[in-house]
């Protein structure tokens, strides 16, 4: 049996087993185009991903063993990562950089301590 790369990757992104053209290897660009053709444009995939995260569910979805048979783990992870880049879903939430925090007195004391072997 030939690996069903596109179906497995599509499942990871949508949670649905879709009928996608299978080139016999991972093809993230073709996957994104195939998802769009089956009613899963980038906007819908993004909305689905944010809904899953909002209800504290796992996204990308875990792919059933039978569906990912023949798909190497490293190739699958790389293809999924590239597909997420193409869909602009590498980060679901963009946060500003965290600000500098003021140290409390105990933390300041620890920062001033020098180990005995330091030579000071």
C-alpha atoms as a PDB file:
ATOM      1  CA  UNK A   1       0.000   0.000   0.000  1.00  0.00           C
ATOM      2  CA  UNK A   2       1.298   3.434  -0.942  1.00  0.00           C
ATOM      3  CA  UNK A   3       1.580   6.122   1.705  1.00  0.00           C
ATOM      4  CA  UNK A   4      -1.306   8.582   1.656  1.00  0.00           C
ATOM      5  CA  UNK A   5       0.722  11.693   2.386  1.00  0.00           C
ATOM      6  CA  UNK A   6      -1.813  14.306   1.338  1.00  0.00           C
ATOM      7  CA  UNK A   7      -4.708  12.632   3.163  1.00  0.00           C
ATOM      8  CA  UNK A   8      -2.628  12.315   6.341  1.00  0.00           C
ATOM      9  CA  UNK A   9      -1.423  15.918   6.180  1.00  0.00           C
ATOM     10  CA  UNK A  10      -4.925  17.127   5.370  1.00  0.00           C
ATOM     11  CA  UNK A  11      -6.286  15.233   8.362  1.00  0.00           C
ATOM     12  CA  UNK A  12      -3.701  16.845  10.636  1.00  0.00           C
ATOM     13  CA  UNK A  13      -4.876  20.283   9.513  1.00  0.00           C
ATOM     14  CA  UNK A  14      -8.645  19.737   9.270  1.00  0.00           C
ATOM     15  CA  UNK A  15      -9.522  16.723  11.402  1.00  0.00           C
ATOM     16  CA  UNK A  16     -11.258  15.234   8.342  1.00  0.00           C
ATOM     17  CA  UNK A  17     -10.146  12.522   5.947  1.00  0.00           C
ATOM     18  CA  UNK A  18     -10.334  14.245   2.572  1.00  0.00           C
ATOM     19  CA  UNK A  19     -10.031  12.855  -0.936  1.00  0.00           C
ATOM     20  CA  UNK A  20      -6.898  14.584  -2.188  1.00  0.00           C
ATOM     21  CA  UNK A  21      -4.690  13.842  -5.181  1.00  0.00           C
ATOM     22  CA  UNK A  22      -1.795  11.671  -3.965  1.00  0.00           C
ATOM     23  CA  UNK A  23       1.537  12.378  -5.703  1.00  0.00           C
ATOM     24  CA  UNK A  24       3.236   9.566  -3.736  1.00  0.00           C
ATOM     25  CA  UNK A  25       5.329  11.976  -1.686  1.00  0.00           C
ATOM     26  CA  UNK A  26       4.649  14.932   0.596  1.00  0.00           C
ATOM     27  CA  UNK A  27       3.813  18.036  -1.447  1.00  0.00           C
ATOM     28  CA  UNK A  28       2.756  20.926   0.824  1.00  0.00           C
ATOM     29  CA  UNK A  29       1.993  23.308  -2.056  1.00  0.00           C
ATOM     30  CA  UNK A  30      -0.291  20.745  -3.724  1.00  0.00           C
ATOM     31  CA  UNK A  31      -1.828  20.040  -0.318  1.00  0.00           C
ATOM     32  CA  UNK A  32      -2.762  23.694   0.208  1.00  0.00           C
ATOM     33  CA  UNK A  33      -4.237  23.831  -3.299  1.00  0.00           C
ATOM     34  CA  UNK A  34      -6.098  20.545  -2.721  1.00  0.00           C
ATOM     35  CA  UNK A  35      -7.494  21.757   0.592  1.00  0.00           C
ATOM     36  CA  UNK A  36      -8.759  24.907  -1.090  1.00  0.00           C
ATOM     37  CA  UNK A  37     -10.392  22.829  -3.844  1.00  0.00           C
ATOM     38  CA  UNK A  38     -12.195  20.662  -1.268  1.00  0.00           C
ATOM     39  CA  UNK A  39     -13.638  23.621   0.626  1.00  0.00           C
ATOM     40  CA  UNK A  40     -10.807  24.168   3.097  1.00  0.00           C
ATOM     41  CA  UNK A  41      -9.177  27.466   2.063  1.00  0.00           C
ATOM     42  CA  UNK A  42      -6.494  28.926   4.315  1.00  0.00           C
ATOM     43  CA  UNK A  43      -9.076  31.093   6.102  1.00  0.00           C
ATOM     44  CA  UNK A  44     -11.194  28.075   7.042  1.00  0.00           C
ATOM     45  CA  UNK A  45      -8.191  26.028   8.178  1.00  0.00           C
ATOM     46  CA  UNK A  46      -7.057  28.996  10.304  1.00  0.00           C
ATOM     47  CA  UNK A  47     -10.510  29.435  11.807  1.00  0.00           C
ATOM     48  CA  UNK A  48     -10.680  25.703  12.580  1.00  0.00           C
ATOM     49  CA  UNK A  49      -7.214  25.786  14.196  1.00  0.00           C
ATOM     50  CA  UNK A  50      -8.122  28.741  16.422  1.00  0.00           C
ATOM     51  CA  UNK A  51     -11.405  27.052  17.437  1.00  0.00           C
ATOM     52  CA  UNK A  52      -9.520  23.894  18.436  1.00  0.00           C
ATOM     53  CA  UNK A  53      -7.011  25.867  20.491  1.00  0.00           C
ATOM     54  CA  UNK A  54      -9.809  27.905  22.121  1.00  0.00           C
ATOM     55  CA  UNK A  55     -11.465  24.734  23.445  1.00  0.00           C
ATOM     56  CA  UNK A  56      -8.036  23.437  24.524  1.00  0.00           C
ATOM     57  CA  UNK A  57      -8.053  20.666  21.944  1.00  0.00           C
ATOM     58  CA  UNK A  58      -4.965  19.529  20.074  1.00  0.00           C
ATOM     59  CA  UNK A  59      -4.155  21.148  16.750  1.00  0.00           C
ATOM     60  CA  UNK A  60      -2.745  19.985  14.402  1.00  0.00           C
ATOM     61  CA  UNK A  61      -4.834  16.878  14.924  1.00  0.00           C
ATOM     62  CA  UNK A  62      -3.289  13.523  15.734  1.00  0.00           C
ATOM     63  CA  UNK A  63      -3.462  11.439  12.567  1.00  0.00           C
ATOM     64  CA  UNK A  64      -4.886   7.911  12.932  1.00  0.00           C
ATOM     65  CA  UNK A  65      -2.266   5.191  12.546  1.00  0.00           C
ATOM     66  CA  UNK A  66      -3.993   3.601   9.543  1.00  0.00           C
ATOM     67  CA  UNK A  67      -3.949   6.912   7.689  1.00  0.00           C
ATOM     68  CA  UNK A  68      -0.300   7.725   8.344  1.00  0.00           C
ATOM     69  CA  UNK A  69       1.015   4.247   7.494  1.00  0.00           C
ATOM     70  CA  UNK A  70       4.044   4.588   5.248  1.00  0.00           C
ATOM     71  CA  UNK A  71       4.615   8.237   6.131  1.00  0.00           C
ATOM     72  CA  UNK A  72       7.974   8.773   7.796  1.00  0.00           C
ATOM     73  CA  UNK A  73       7.733  10.846  10.978  1.00  0.00           C
ATOM     74  CA  UNK A  74      10.462  13.340  10.090  1.00  0.00           C
ATOM     75  CA  UNK A  75       9.190  13.877   6.537  1.00  0.00           C
ATOM     76  CA  UNK A  76       5.647  14.216   7.855  1.00  0.00           C
ATOM     77  CA  UNK A  77       6.675  16.820  10.444  1.00  0.00           C
ATOM     78  CA  UNK A  78       8.665  18.788   7.858  1.00  0.00           C
ATOM     79  CA  UNK A  79       5.820  18.719   5.318  1.00  0.00           C
ATOM     80  CA  UNK A  80       3.282  19.715   7.958  1.00  0.00           C
ATOM     81  CA  UNK A  81       5.494  22.601   9.046  1.00  0.00           C
ATOM     82  CA  UNK A  82       5.845  23.826   5.460  1.00  0.00           C
ATOM     83  CA  UNK A  83       2.091  23.497   4.880  1.00  0.00           C
ATOM     84  CA  UNK A  84       1.470  25.578   8.002  1.00  0.00           C
ATOM     85  CA  UNK A  85       3.882  28.215   6.680  1.00  0.00           C
ATOM     86  CA  UNK A  86       2.055  28.286   3.348  1.00  0.00           C
ATOM     87  CA  UNK A  87      -1.262  28.651   5.219  1.00  0.00           C
ATOM     88  CA  UNK A  88       0.299  31.324   7.466  1.00  0.00           C
ATOM     89  CA  UNK A  89      -0.475  29.231  10.541  1.00  0.00           C
ATOM     90  CA  UNK A  90       2.943  28.796  12.121  1.00  0.00           C
ATOM     91  CA  UNK A  91       1.810  30.846  15.127  1.00  0.00           C
ATOM     92  CA  UNK A  92      -1.865  31.014  15.993  1.00  0.00           C
ATOM     93  CA  UNK A  93      -1.465  33.902  18.385  1.00  0.00           C
ATOM     94  CA  UNK A  94       1.022  36.724  18.056  1.00  0.00           C
ATOM     95  CA  UNK A  95       1.982  38.274  21.369  1.00  0.00           C
ATOM     96  CA  UNK A  96       4.146  41.299  22.013  1.00  0.00           C
ATOM     97  CA  UNK A  97       7.538  40.708  23.591  1.00  0.00           C
ATOM     98  CA  UNK A  98       7.309  40.348  27.333  1.00  0.00           C
ATOM     99  CA  UNK A  99       8.434  43.381  29.276  1.00  0.00           C
ATOM    100  CA  UNK A 100      11.255  43.580  31.748  1.00  0.00           C
ATOM    101  CA  UNK A 101      10.185  42.610  35.240  1.00  0.00           C
ATOM    102  CA  UNK A 102      11.404  44.270  38.408  1.00  0.00           C
ATOM    103  CA  UNK A 103      13.275  41.845  40.622  1.00  0.00           C
ATOM    104  CA  UNK A 104      12.043  41.454  44.175  1.00  0.00           C
ATOM    105  CA  UNK A 105      14.553  41.977  47.042  1.00  0.00           C
ATOM    106  CA  UNK A 106      15.363  38.253  47.309  1.00  0.00           C
ATOM    107  CA  UNK A 107      16.083  37.996  43.580  1.00  0.00           C
ATOM    108  CA  UNK A 108      18.274  41.104  43.721  1.00  0.00           C
ATOM    109  CA  UNK A 109      20.244  39.591  46.624  1.00  0.00           C
ATOM    110  CA  UNK A 110      20.759  36.376  44.650  1.00  0.00           C
ATOM    111  CA  UNK A 111      21.960  38.323  41.627  1.00  0.00           C
ATOM    112  CA  UNK A 112      24.580  40.096  43.799  1.00  0.00           C
ATOM    113  CA  UNK A 113      25.897  36.872  45.326  1.00  0.00           C
ATOM    114  CA  UNK A 114      29.196  35.718  43.911  1.00  0.00           C
ATOM    115  CA  UNK A 115      30.340  32.110  44.257  1.00  0.00           C
ATOM    116  CA  UNK A 116      33.377  31.626  46.533  1.00  0.00           C
ATOM    117  CA  UNK A 117      35.575  30.473  43.653  1.00  0.00           C
ATOM    118  CA  UNK A 118      34.820  33.594  41.602  1.00  0.00           C
ATOM    119  CA  UNK A 119      37.834  35.474  43.027  1.00  0.00           C
ATOM    120  CA  UNK A 120      36.079  38.639  44.198  1.00  0.00           C
END
